[in-house]
Amino acid sequence: MVSTALAGPDGAAARLAERSVDSQANAALSAWLRDYPPAARELEEAMRARIHHRELDERAQAARACAADAERRSASETVKLDPGGQRVIHPVAGSVLVAALVVLNAWLLYWGAQAFGLSLAGRWLVTGILLAASTAVIAALEASGEHRRRRLMLGAGVVIAGLALVALRTGFRIATGGVVDALLRSVIFTSISACLILSGSMVLSRTCLPRMARAQAAARRSRRDAYARHAASAAAAERMQRHLGALRQLLIPWALSAAAPASVDHVNWTTALNRAVRGLLAEL
């Protein structure tokens, strides 16, 4: 308490003198920046680079927040719709593959429709009905999911329909060949058709649902945007540091060589100028 009281007036006077010297140093620095064009240009470029960096940094932070939100939505959709991580095919690619399998199956079903002994229009009508039924089977197998009873009932129906189609094809082919040959051809065609239906169901079960695919695409876009904005912010920060370095190289030699006022010794003046330089650079 005694030392504080004794040092109080002297400390206040020292602080007042230091503020006066700092004011003169700041004024000298401002005058030198105004009168020395290279330093003024570097200062202007540094300030412009600082503003640009702040804007880009704010955008980068907003992009990171959006990316994190998109990642959470994508993870939520994946957990709800594909907890096992099995749906790895894009919806467009999956739809194209299923459509190609259905089209291939249409030719086999057309040959099976010939067993009904109808006209050309009738055969195409029966082919369309069989094709719609096979497509419905593909969708039903996908919709049944893990329900074993539904799959068994659906499989039994498909087997019965396949056996009926084999019988019809065999009866139609007997007129043009032997029984064994007709039966073999019918079994092969029906088996291929069944394999195409099962393949379509497998592709459909591995295809991402549109909602999940959109969430994953949004997360990827957000990640790319966040990375690009972070890179732009880092480049702006590097540019700002280059201007600050160039400005520092101009300011430090000047602060060391500037003439002190008459009432201030050179050591205190140099110290005050260095404080002014550091304050200016800190503001930038």
C-alpha atoms as a PDB file:
ATOM      1  CA  MET A   1       0.000   0.000   0.000  1.00  0.00           C
ATOM      2  CA  VAL A   2       2.819   2.433   0.863  1.00  0.00           C
ATOM      3  CA  SER A   3       4.775   1.635  -2.293  1.00  0.00           C
ATOM      4  CA  THR A   4       1.652   2.043  -4.394  1.00  0.00           C
ATOM      5  CA  ALA A   5       0.901   5.420  -2.852  1.00  0.00           C
ATOM      6  CA  LEU A   6       4.457   6.592  -3.328  1.00  0.00           C
ATOM      7  CA  ALA A   7       4.598   5.362  -6.882  1.00  0.00           C
ATOM      8  CA  GLY A   8       1.172   6.726  -7.811  1.00  0.00           C
ATOM      9  CA  PRO A   9       2.017  10.290  -8.911  1.00  0.00           C
ATOM     10  CA  ASP A  10       5.205   9.254 -10.691  1.00  0.00           C
ATOM     11  CA  GLY A  11       3.401   6.399 -12.468  1.00  0.00           C
ATOM     12  CA  ALA A  12       0.583   8.694 -13.581  1.00  0.00           C
ATOM     13  CA  ALA A  13       3.093  11.197 -14.893  1.00  0.00           C
ATOM     14  CA  ALA A  14       4.974   8.455 -16.735  1.00  0.00           C
ATOM     15  CA  ARG A  15       1.776   7.182 -18.311  1.00  0.00           C
ATOM     16  CA  LEU A  16       0.809  10.697 -19.347  1.00  0.00           C
ATOM     17  CA  ALA A  17       4.208  11.257 -20.917  1.00  0.00           C
ATOM     18  CA  GLU A  18       3.992   7.913 -22.702  1.00  0.00           C
ATOM     19  CA  ARG A  19       0.587   8.802 -24.101  1.00  0.00           C
ATOM     20  CA  SER A  20       1.960  12.104 -25.356  1.00  0.00           C
ATOM     21  CA  VAL A  21       4.888  10.395 -27.076  1.00  0.00           C
ATOM     22  CA  ASP A  22       2.528   7.762 -28.552  1.00  0.00           C
ATOM     23  CA  SER A  23       0.287  10.508 -29.910  1.00  0.00           C
ATOM     24  CA  GLN A  24       3.260  12.179 -31.570  1.00  0.00           C
ATOM     25  CA  ALA A  25       4.442   8.830 -32.945  1.00  0.00           C
ATOM     26  CA  ASN A  26       0.997   8.070 -34.381  1.00  0.00           C
ATOM     27  CA  ALA A  27       0.853  11.528 -35.933  1.00  0.00           C
ATOM     28  CA  ALA A  28       4.348  11.060 -37.422  1.00  0.00           C
ATOM     29  CA  LEU A  29       3.386   7.656 -38.777  1.00  0.00           C
ATOM     30  CA  SER A  30       0.207   9.019 -40.351  1.00  0.00           C
ATOM     31  CA  ALA A  31       2.161  11.903 -41.929  1.00  0.00           C
ATOM     32  CA  TRP A  32       4.809   9.548 -43.285  1.00  0.00           C
ATOM     33  CA  LEU A  33       2.197   7.214 -44.763  1.00  0.00           C
ATOM     34  CA  ARG A  34       0.511  10.188 -46.362  1.00  0.00           C
ATOM     35  CA  ASP A  35       3.738  11.607 -47.795  1.00  0.00           C
ATOM     36  CA  TYR A  36       5.327   8.322 -48.887  1.00  0.00           C
ATOM     37  CA  PRO A  37       3.309   6.850 -51.811  1.00  0.00           C
ATOM     38  CA  PRO A  38       4.744   3.288 -51.760  1.00  0.00           C
ATOM     39  CA  ALA A  39       3.804   2.847 -48.107  1.00  0.00           C
ATOM     40  CA  ALA A  40       0.391   4.425 -48.701  1.00  0.00           C
ATOM     41  CA  ARG A  41      -0.245   1.999 -51.557  1.00  0.00           C
ATOM     42  CA  GLU A  42       0.793  -1.005 -49.488  1.00  0.00           C
ATOM     43  CA  LEU A  43      -1.412   0.196 -46.641  1.00  0.00           C
ATOM     44  CA  GLU A  44      -4.379   0.572 -48.993  1.00  0.00           C
ATOM     45  CA  GLU A  45      -3.783  -2.854 -50.520  1.00  0.00           C
ATOM     46  CA  ALA A  46      -3.432  -4.408 -47.071  1.00  0.00           C
ATOM     47  CA  MET A  47      -6.705  -2.859 -45.922  1.00  0.00           C
ATOM     48  CA  ARG A  48      -8.465  -3.996 -49.083  1.00  0.00           C
ATOM     49  CA  ALA A  49      -7.021  -7.492 -48.645  1.00  0.00           C
ATOM     50  CA  ARG A  50      -8.166  -7.535 -45.020  1.00  0.00           C
ATOM     51  CA  ILE A  51     -11.747  -6.619 -45.986  1.00  0.00           C
ATOM     52  CA  HIS A  52     -11.733  -9.218 -48.737  1.00  0.00           C
ATOM     53  CA  HIS A  53     -10.388 -11.876 -46.375  1.00  0.00           C
ATOM     54  CA  ARG A  54     -13.017 -11.121 -43.760  1.00  0.00           C
ATOM     55  CA  GLU A  55     -15.800 -11.431 -46.314  1.00  0.00           C
ATOM     56  CA  LEU A  56     -14.445 -14.715 -47.652  1.00  0.00           C
ATOM     57  CA  ASP A  57     -13.881 -16.031 -44.144  1.00  0.00           C
ATOM     58  CA  GLU A  58     -17.497 -15.293 -43.216  1.00  0.00           C
ATOM     59  CA  ARG A  59     -18.665 -17.063 -46.354  1.00  0.00           C
ATOM     60  CA  ALA A  60     -16.389 -20.024 -45.579  1.00  0.00           C
ATOM     61  CA  GLN A  61     -17.820 -20.287 -42.059  1.00  0.00           C
ATOM     62  CA  ALA A  62     -21.369 -20.167 -43.434  1.00  0.00           C
ATOM     63  CA  ALA A  63     -20.468 -22.832 -46.022  1.00  0.00           C
ATOM     64  CA  ARG A  64     -18.990 -25.063 -43.305  1.00  0.00           C
ATOM     65  CA  ALA A  65     -22.171 -24.694 -41.261  1.00  0.00           C
ATOM     66  CA  CYS A  66     -24.293 -25.586 -44.303  1.00  0.00           C
ATOM     67  CA  ALA A  67     -22.061 -28.574 -45.060  1.00  0.00           C
ATOM     68  CA  ALA A  68     -22.377 -29.830 -41.483  1.00  0.00           C
ATOM     69  CA  ASP A  69     -26.162 -29.455 -41.651  1.00  0.00           C
ATOM     70  CA  ALA A  70     -26.294 -31.278 -44.996  1.00  0.00           C
ATOM     71  CA  GLU A  71     -24.120 -34.067 -43.582  1.00  0.00           C
ATOM     72  CA  ARG A  72     -26.500 -34.466 -40.649  1.00  0.00           C
ATOM     73  CA  ARG A  73     -29.511 -34.658 -42.969  1.00  0.00           C
ATOM     74  CA  SER A  74     -27.762 -37.186 -45.210  1.00  0.00           C
ATOM     75  CA  ALA A  75     -26.779 -39.328 -42.226  1.00  0.00           C
ATOM     76  CA  SER A  76     -30.328 -39.166 -40.891  1.00  0.00           C
ATOM     77  CA  GLU A  77     -31.827 -40.240 -44.227  1.00  0.00           C
ATOM     78  CA  THR A  78     -29.273 -43.050 -44.554  1.00  0.00           C
ATOM     79  CA  VAL A  79     -30.029 -44.368 -41.078  1.00  0.00           C
ATOM     80  CA  LYS A  80     -33.773 -44.290 -41.726  1.00  0.00           C
ATOM     81  CA  LEU A  81     -33.811 -45.666 -45.277  1.00  0.00           C
ATOM     82  CA  ASP A  82     -30.648 -47.750 -45.563  1.00  0.00           C
ATOM     83  CA  PRO A  83     -29.280 -48.719 -42.136  1.00  0.00           C
ATOM     84  CA  GLY A  84     -27.347 -51.632 -43.625  1.00  0.00           C
ATOM     85  CA  GLY A  85     -25.583 -49.503 -46.234  1.00  0.00           C
ATOM     86  CA  GLN A  86     -26.651 -51.777 -49.101  1.00  0.00           C
ATOM     87  CA  ARG A  87     -28.157 -49.210 -51.463  1.00  0.00           C
ATOM     88  CA  VAL A  88     -25.115 -48.125 -53.436  1.00  0.00           C
ATOM     89  CA  ILE A  89     -26.563 -47.717 -56.958  1.00  0.00           C
ATOM     90  CA  HIS A  90     -27.662 -44.278 -58.095  1.00  0.00           C
ATOM     91  CA  PRO A  91     -31.426 -44.027 -58.785  1.00  0.00           C
ATOM     92  CA  VAL A  92     -30.883 -43.160 -62.457  1.00  0.00           C
ATOM     93  CA  ALA A  93     -28.472 -46.041 -63.029  1.00  0.00           C
ATOM     94  CA  GLY A  94     -30.723 -48.453 -61.117  1.00  0.00           C
ATOM     95  CA  SER A  95     -33.775 -47.388 -63.127  1.00  0.00           C
ATOM     96  CA  VAL A  96     -31.891 -47.853 -66.407  1.00  0.00           C
ATOM     97  CA  LEU A  97     -30.694 -51.319 -65.398  1.00  0.00           C
ATOM     98  CA  VAL A  98     -34.163 -52.427 -64.296  1.00  0.00           C
ATOM     99  CA  ALA A  99     -35.678 -51.037 -67.512  1.00  0.00           C
ATOM    100  CA  ALA A 100     -33.076 -52.917 -69.596  1.00  0.00           C
ATOM    101  CA  LEU A 101     -33.876 -56.173 -67.786  1.00  0.00           C
ATOM    102  CA  VAL A 102     -37.602 -55.619 -68.327  1.00  0.00           C
ATOM    103  CA  VAL A 103     -37.068 -54.975 -72.041  1.00  0.00           C
ATOM    104  CA  LEU A 104     -34.994 -58.159 -72.370  1.00  0.00           C
ATOM    105  CA  ASN A 105     -37.703 -60.073 -70.582  1.00  0.00           C
ATOM    106  CA  ALA A 106     -40.318 -58.705 -72.998  1.00  0.00           C
ATOM    107  CA  TRP A 107     -38.866 -60.787 -75.862  1.00  0.00           C
ATOM    108  CA  LEU A 108     -38.997 -63.975 -73.808  1.00  0.00           C
ATOM    109  CA  LEU A 109     -42.538 -63.208 -72.723  1.00  0.00           C
ATOM    110  CA  TYR A 110     -43.528 -62.603 -76.357  1.00  0.00           C
ATOM    111  CA  TRP A 111     -42.331 -66.091 -77.251  1.00  0.00           C
ATOM    112  CA  GLY A 112     -44.360 -67.407 -74.341  1.00  0.00           C
ATOM    113  CA  ALA A 113     -47.433 -65.496 -75.540  1.00  0.00           C
ATOM    114  CA  GLN A 114     -47.261 -67.434 -78.807  1.00  0.00           C
ATOM    115  CA  ALA A 115     -48.439 -70.489 -76.860  1.00  0.00           C
ATOM    116  CA  PHE A 116     -51.892 -68.944 -76.574  1.00  0.00           C
ATOM    117  CA  GLY A 117     -52.395 -69.252 -80.349  1.00  0.00           C
ATOM    118  CA  LEU A 118     -53.685 -65.701 -80.755  1.00  0.00           C
ATOM    119  CA  SER A 119     -53.315 -63.176 -83.545  1.00  0.00           C
ATOM    120  CA  LEU A 120     -50.411 -60.727 -83.640  1.00  0.00           C
ATOM    121  CA  ALA A 121     -52.360 -58.073 -81.731  1.00  0.00           C
ATOM    122  CA  GLY A 122     -53.493 -60.680 -79.215  1.00  0.00           C
ATOM    123  CA  ARG A 123     -49.936 -61.906 -78.709  1.00  0.00           C
ATOM    124  CA  TRP A 124     -48.693 -58.374 -78.010  1.00  0.00           C
ATOM    125  CA  LEU A 125     -51.597 -57.835 -75.630  1.00  0.00           C
ATOM    126  CA  VAL A 126     -50.728 -60.993 -73.696  1.00  0.00           C
ATOM    127  CA  THR A 127     -47.045 -59.951 -73.768  1.00  0.00           C
ATOM    128  CA  GLY A 128     -47.975 -56.586 -72.248  1.00  0.00           C
ATOM    129  CA  ILE A 129     -50.001 -58.304 -69.528  1.00  0.00           C
ATOM    130  CA  LEU A 130     -47.143 -60.697 -68.725  1.00  0.00           C
ATOM    131  CA  LEU A 131     -44.644 -57.838 -68.768  1.00  0.00           C
ATOM    132  CA  ALA A 132     -46.789 -55.799 -66.373  1.00  0.00           C
ATOM    133  CA  ALA A 133     -47.081 -58.837 -64.116  1.00  0.00           C
ATOM    134  CA  SER A 134     -43.301 -59.417 -64.120  1.00  0.00           C
ATOM    135  CA  THR A 135     -42.686 -55.734 -63.349  1.00  0.00           C
ATOM    136  CA  ALA A 136     -45.184 -55.955 -60.511  1.00  0.00           C
ATOM    137  CA  VAL A 137     -43.313 -58.987 -59.178  1.00  0.00           C
ATOM    138  CA  ILE A 138     -40.057 -57.017 -59.196  1.00  0.00           C
ATOM    139  CA  ALA A 139     -41.693 -54.171 -57.285  1.00  0.00           C
ATOM    140  CA  ALA A 140     -43.428 -56.601 -54.891  1.00  0.00           C
ATOM    141  CA  LEU A 141     -40.173 -58.366 -54.082  1.00  0.00           C
ATOM    142  CA  GLU A 142     -38.616 -55.004 -53.257  1.00  0.00           C
ATOM    143  CA  ALA A 143     -41.635 -53.878 -51.211  1.00  0.00           C
ATOM    144  CA  SER A 144     -41.783 -57.104 -49.218  1.00  0.00           C
ATOM    145  CA  GLY A 145     -38.449 -56.255 -47.621  1.00  0.00           C
ATOM    146  CA  GLU A 146     -37.605 -58.591 -44.758  1.00  0.00           C
ATOM    147  CA  HIS A 147     -41.148 -60.019 -44.469  1.00  0.00           C
ATOM    148  CA  ARG A 148     -40.437 -63.691 -44.976  1.00  0.00           C
ATOM    149  CA  ARG A 149     -44.083 -64.761 -45.204  1.00  0.00           C
ATOM    150  CA  ARG A 150     -44.838 -62.283 -47.946  1.00  0.00           C
ATOM    151  CA  ARG A 151     -41.785 -63.383 -49.891  1.00  0.00           C
ATOM    152  CA  LEU A 152     -42.762 -67.030 -49.585  1.00  0.00           C
ATOM    153  CA  MET A 153     -46.281 -66.323 -50.804  1.00  0.00           C
ATOM    154  CA  LEU A 154     -44.936 -64.223 -53.664  1.00  0.00           C
ATOM    155  CA  GLY A 155     -42.376 -66.898 -54.562  1.00  0.00           C
ATOM    156  CA  ALA A 156     -45.066 -69.562 -54.571  1.00  0.00           C
ATOM    157  CA  GLY A 157     -47.184 -67.478 -56.922  1.00  0.00           C
ATOM    158  CA  VAL A 158     -44.238 -66.922 -59.248  1.00  0.00           C
ATOM    159  CA  VAL A 159     -43.449 -70.648 -59.279  1.00  0.00           C
ATOM    160  CA  ILE A 160     -47.061 -71.540 -60.100  1.00  0.00           C
ATOM    161  CA  ALA A 161     -47.132 -68.946 -62.891  1.00  0.00           C
ATOM    162  CA  GLY A 162     -43.818 -70.255 -64.213  1.00  0.00           C
ATOM    163  CA  LEU A 163     -45.021 -73.845 -64.251  1.00  0.00           C
ATOM    164  CA  ALA A 164     -48.189 -72.805 -66.072  1.00  0.00           C
ATOM    165  CA  LEU A 165     -46.115 -70.913 -68.628  1.00  0.00           C
ATOM    166  CA  VAL A 166     -43.829 -73.927 -69.070  1.00  0.00           C
ATOM    167  CA  ALA A 167     -46.847 -76.141 -69.679  1.00  0.00           C
ATOM    168  CA  LEU A 168     -48.287 -73.731 -72.256  1.00  0.00           C
ATOM    169  CA  ARG A 169     -44.966 -73.371 -74.056  1.00  0.00           C
ATOM    170  CA  THR A 170     -44.408 -77.125 -74.031  1.00  0.00           C
ATOM    171  CA  GLY A 171     -47.845 -77.795 -75.501  1.00  0.00           C
ATOM    172  CA  PHE A 172     -47.240 -75.176 -78.185  1.00  0.00           C
ATOM    173  CA  ARG A 173     -43.768 -76.535 -79.062  1.00  0.00           C
ATOM    174  CA  ILE A 174     -44.836 -80.184 -79.249  1.00  0.00           C
ATOM    175  CA  ALA A 175     -46.459 -79.494 -82.611  1.00  0.00           C
ATOM    176  CA  THR A 176     -43.093 -78.501 -84.093  1.00  0.00           C
ATOM    177  CA  GLY A 177     -40.775 -80.983 -82.294  1.00  0.00           C
ATOM    178  CA  GLY A 178     -40.423 -83.742 -79.737  1.00  0.00           C
ATOM    179  CA  VAL A 179     -41.722 -83.620 -76.193  1.00  0.00           C
ATOM    180  CA  VAL A 180     -38.256 -83.516 -74.621  1.00  0.00           C
ATOM    181  CA  ASP A 181     -37.101 -80.739 -76.911  1.00  0.00           C
ATOM    182  CA  ALA A 182     -40.256 -78.711 -76.313  1.00  0.00           C
ATOM    183  CA  LEU A 183     -40.039 -79.188 -72.538  1.00  0.00           C
ATOM    184  CA  LEU A 184     -36.357 -78.259 -72.482  1.00  0.00           C
ATOM    185  CA  ARG A 185     -36.923 -75.097 -74.495  1.00  0.00           C
ATOM    186  CA  SER A 186     -39.862 -74.080 -72.317  1.00  0.00           C
ATOM    187  CA  VAL A 187     -37.928 -74.644 -69.082  1.00  0.00           C
ATOM    188  CA  ILE A 188     -34.906 -72.694 -70.385  1.00  0.00           C
ATOM    189  CA  PHE A 189     -36.968 -69.718 -71.567  1.00  0.00           C
ATOM    190  CA  THR A 190     -39.011 -69.613 -68.372  1.00  0.00           C
ATOM    191  CA  SER A 191     -35.875 -69.940 -66.211  1.00  0.00           C
ATOM    192  CA  ILE A 192     -34.196 -67.082 -68.053  1.00  0.00           C
ATOM    193  CA  SER A 193     -37.295 -64.958 -67.613  1.00  0.00           C
ATOM    194  CA  ALA A 194     -37.363 -65.760 -63.880  1.00  0.00           C
ATOM    195  CA  CYS A 195     -33.653 -64.910 -63.589  1.00  0.00           C
ATOM    196  CA  LEU A 196     -34.276 -61.545 -65.243  1.00  0.00           C
ATOM    197  CA  ILE A 197     -37.092 -60.853 -62.780  1.00  0.00           C
ATOM    198  CA  LEU A 198     -34.883 -61.785 -59.812  1.00  0.00           C
ATOM    199  CA  SER A 199     -32.020 -59.712 -61.216  1.00  0.00           C
ATOM    200  CA  GLY A 200     -34.320 -56.710 -61.522  1.00  0.00           C
ATOM    201  CA  SER A 201     -35.423 -57.199 -57.925  1.00  0.00           C
ATOM    202  CA  MET A 202     -31.796 -57.409 -56.748  1.00  0.00           C
ATOM    203  CA  VAL A 203     -30.847 -54.242 -58.647  1.00  0.00           C
ATOM    204  CA  LEU A 204     -33.878 -52.453 -57.230  1.00  0.00           C
ATOM    205  CA  SER A 205     -32.981 -53.532 -53.693  1.00  0.00           C
ATOM    206  CA  ARG A 206     -29.469 -52.042 -54.148  1.00  0.00           C
ATOM    207  CA  THR A 207     -30.722 -48.779 -55.659  1.00  0.00           C
ATOM    208  CA  CYS A 208     -30.762 -45.647 -53.505  1.00  0.00           C
ATOM    209  CA  LEU A 209     -34.148 -44.173 -52.823  1.00  0.00           C
ATOM    210  CA  PRO A 210     -34.582 -40.737 -54.447  1.00  0.00           C
ATOM    211  CA  ARG A 211     -34.895 -38.911 -51.119  1.00  0.00           C
ATOM    212  CA  MET A 212     -31.702 -40.452 -49.795  1.00  0.00           C
ATOM    213  CA  ALA A 213     -29.870 -39.821 -53.064  1.00  0.00           C
ATOM    214  CA  ARG A 214     -30.904 -36.154 -53.011  1.00  0.00           C
ATOM    215  CA  ALA A 215     -29.678 -35.786 -49.427  1.00  0.00           C
ATOM    216  CA  GLN A 216     -26.334 -37.407 -50.296  1.00  0.00           C
ATOM    217  CA  ALA A 217     -25.950 -35.225 -53.406  1.00  0.00           C
ATOM    218  CA  ALA A 218     -26.708 -32.107 -51.343  1.00  0.00           C
ATOM    219  CA  ALA A 219     -24.070 -33.160 -48.796  1.00  0.00           C
ATOM    220  CA  ARG A 220     -21.480 -33.667 -51.551  1.00  0.00           C
ATOM    221  CA  ARG A 221     -22.257 -30.281 -53.074  1.00  0.00           C
ATOM    222  CA  SER A 222     -22.028 -28.626 -49.658  1.00  0.00           C
ATOM    223  CA  ARG A 223     -18.652 -30.269 -48.994  1.00  0.00           C
ATOM    224  CA  ARG A 224     -17.277 -29.096 -52.336  1.00  0.00           C
ATOM    225  CA  ASP A 225     -18.602 -25.585 -51.755  1.00  0.00           C
ATOM    226  CA  ALA A 226     -17.132 -25.459 -48.234  1.00  0.00           C
ATOM    227  CA  TYR A 227     -13.757 -26.670 -49.511  1.00  0.00           C
ATOM    228  CA  ALA A 228     -13.738 -24.117 -52.334  1.00  0.00           C
ATOM    229  CA  ARG A 229     -14.673 -21.269 -49.990  1.00  0.00           C
ATOM    230  CA  HIS A 230     -12.046 -22.343 -47.463  1.00  0.00           C
ATOM    231  CA  ALA A 231      -9.414 -22.393 -50.210  1.00  0.00           C
ATOM    232  CA  ALA A 232     -10.485 -18.914 -51.347  1.00  0.00           C
ATOM    233  CA  SER A 233     -10.319 -17.629 -47.763  1.00  0.00           C
ATOM    234  CA  ALA A 234      -6.849 -19.132 -47.297  1.00  0.00           C
ATOM    235  CA  ALA A 235      -5.658 -17.521 -50.539  1.00  0.00           C
ATOM    236  CA  ALA A 236      -7.046 -14.140 -49.403  1.00  0.00           C
ATOM    237  CA  ALA A 237      -5.304 -14.518 -46.028  1.00  0.00           C
ATOM    238  CA  GLU A 238      -2.024 -15.299 -47.778  1.00  0.00           C
ATOM    239  CA  ARG A 239      -2.449 -12.247 -49.997  1.00  0.00           C
ATOM    240  CA  MET A 240      -3.145 -10.073 -46.951  1.00  0.00           C
ATOM    241  CA  GLN A 241      -0.025 -11.405 -45.205  1.00  0.00           C
ATOM    242  CA  ARG A 242       2.097 -10.583 -48.249  1.00  0.00           C
ATOM    243  CA  HIS A 243       0.927  -6.969 -48.162  1.00  0.00           C
ATOM    244  CA  LEU A 244       1.448  -6.801 -44.409  1.00  0.00           C
ATOM    245  CA  GLY A 245       4.959  -8.163 -44.828  1.00  0.00           C
ATOM    246  CA  ALA A 246       5.763  -5.598 -47.496  1.00  0.00           C
ATOM    247  CA  LEU A 247       4.323  -2.826 -45.302  1.00  0.00           C
ATOM    248  CA  ARG A 248       6.339  -4.072 -42.309  1.00  0.00           C
ATOM    249  CA  GLN A 249       9.526  -3.999 -44.370  1.00  0.00           C
ATOM    250  CA  LEU A 250       8.831  -0.332 -45.142  1.00  0.00           C
ATOM    251  CA  LEU A 251       7.759   0.684 -41.645  1.00  0.00           C
ATOM    252  CA  ILE A 252      10.453  -0.894 -39.469  1.00  0.00           C
ATOM    253  CA  PRO A 253      13.466   0.816 -41.131  1.00  0.00           C
ATOM    254  CA  TRP A 254      11.625   4.128 -41.079  1.00  0.00           C
ATOM    255  CA  ALA A 255      10.786   3.736 -37.379  1.00  0.00           C
ATOM    256  CA  LEU A 256      14.444   3.067 -36.605  1.00  0.00           C
ATOM    257  CA  SER A 257      15.729   6.048 -38.611  1.00  0.00           C
ATOM    258  CA  ALA A 258      13.020   8.666 -37.956  1.00  0.00           C
ATOM    259  CA  ALA A 259      14.224  11.799 -36.181  1.00  0.00           C
ATOM    260  CA  ALA A 260      12.886  12.273 -32.651  1.00  0.00           C
ATOM    261  CA  PRO A 261      11.157  15.490 -31.513  1.00  0.00           C
ATOM    262  CA  ALA A 262      13.173  17.910 -29.433  1.00  0.00           C
ATOM    263  CA  SER A 263      11.490  16.954 -26.152  1.00  0.00           C
ATOM    264  CA  VAL A 264      11.859  13.170 -26.625  1.00  0.00           C
ATOM    265  CA  ASP A 265      15.039  11.114 -26.552  1.00  0.00           C
ATOM    266  CA  HIS A 266      15.747   8.780 -29.448  1.00  0.00           C
ATOM    267  CA  VAL A 267      15.249   5.541 -27.474  1.00  0.00           C
ATOM    268  CA  ASN A 268      11.764   6.485 -26.260  1.00  0.00           C
ATOM    269  CA  TRP A 269      10.898   7.819 -29.707  1.00  0.00           C
ATOM    270  CA  THR A 270      11.967   4.613 -31.446  1.00  0.00           C
ATOM    271  CA  THR A 271      10.002   2.584 -28.906  1.00  0.00           C
ATOM    272  CA  ALA A 272       6.908   4.730 -29.448  1.00  0.00           C
ATOM    273  CA  LEU A 273       7.227   4.428 -33.231  1.00  0.00           C
ATOM    274  CA  ASN A 274       7.523   0.651 -32.944  1.00  0.00           C
ATOM    275  CA  ARG A 275       4.384   0.610 -30.804  1.00  0.00           C
ATOM    276  CA  ALA A 276       2.606   2.719 -33.401  1.00  0.00           C
ATOM    277  CA  VAL A 277       3.743   0.355 -36.171  1.00  0.00           C
ATOM    278  CA  ARG A 278       2.617  -2.704 -34.216  1.00  0.00           C
ATOM    279  CA  GLY A 279      -0.719  -1.034 -33.464  1.00  0.00           C
ATOM    280  CA  LEU A 280      -1.235  -0.245 -37.140  1.00  0.00           C
ATOM    281  CA  LEU A 281      -0.394  -3.772 -38.208  1.00  0.00           C
ATOM    282  CA  ALA A 282      -2.606  -5.211 -35.442  1.00  0.00           C
ATOM    283  CA  GLU A 283      -5.546  -3.164 -36.725  1.00  0.00           C
ATOM    284  CA  LEU A 284      -4.994  -4.660 -40.145  1.00  0.00           C
END
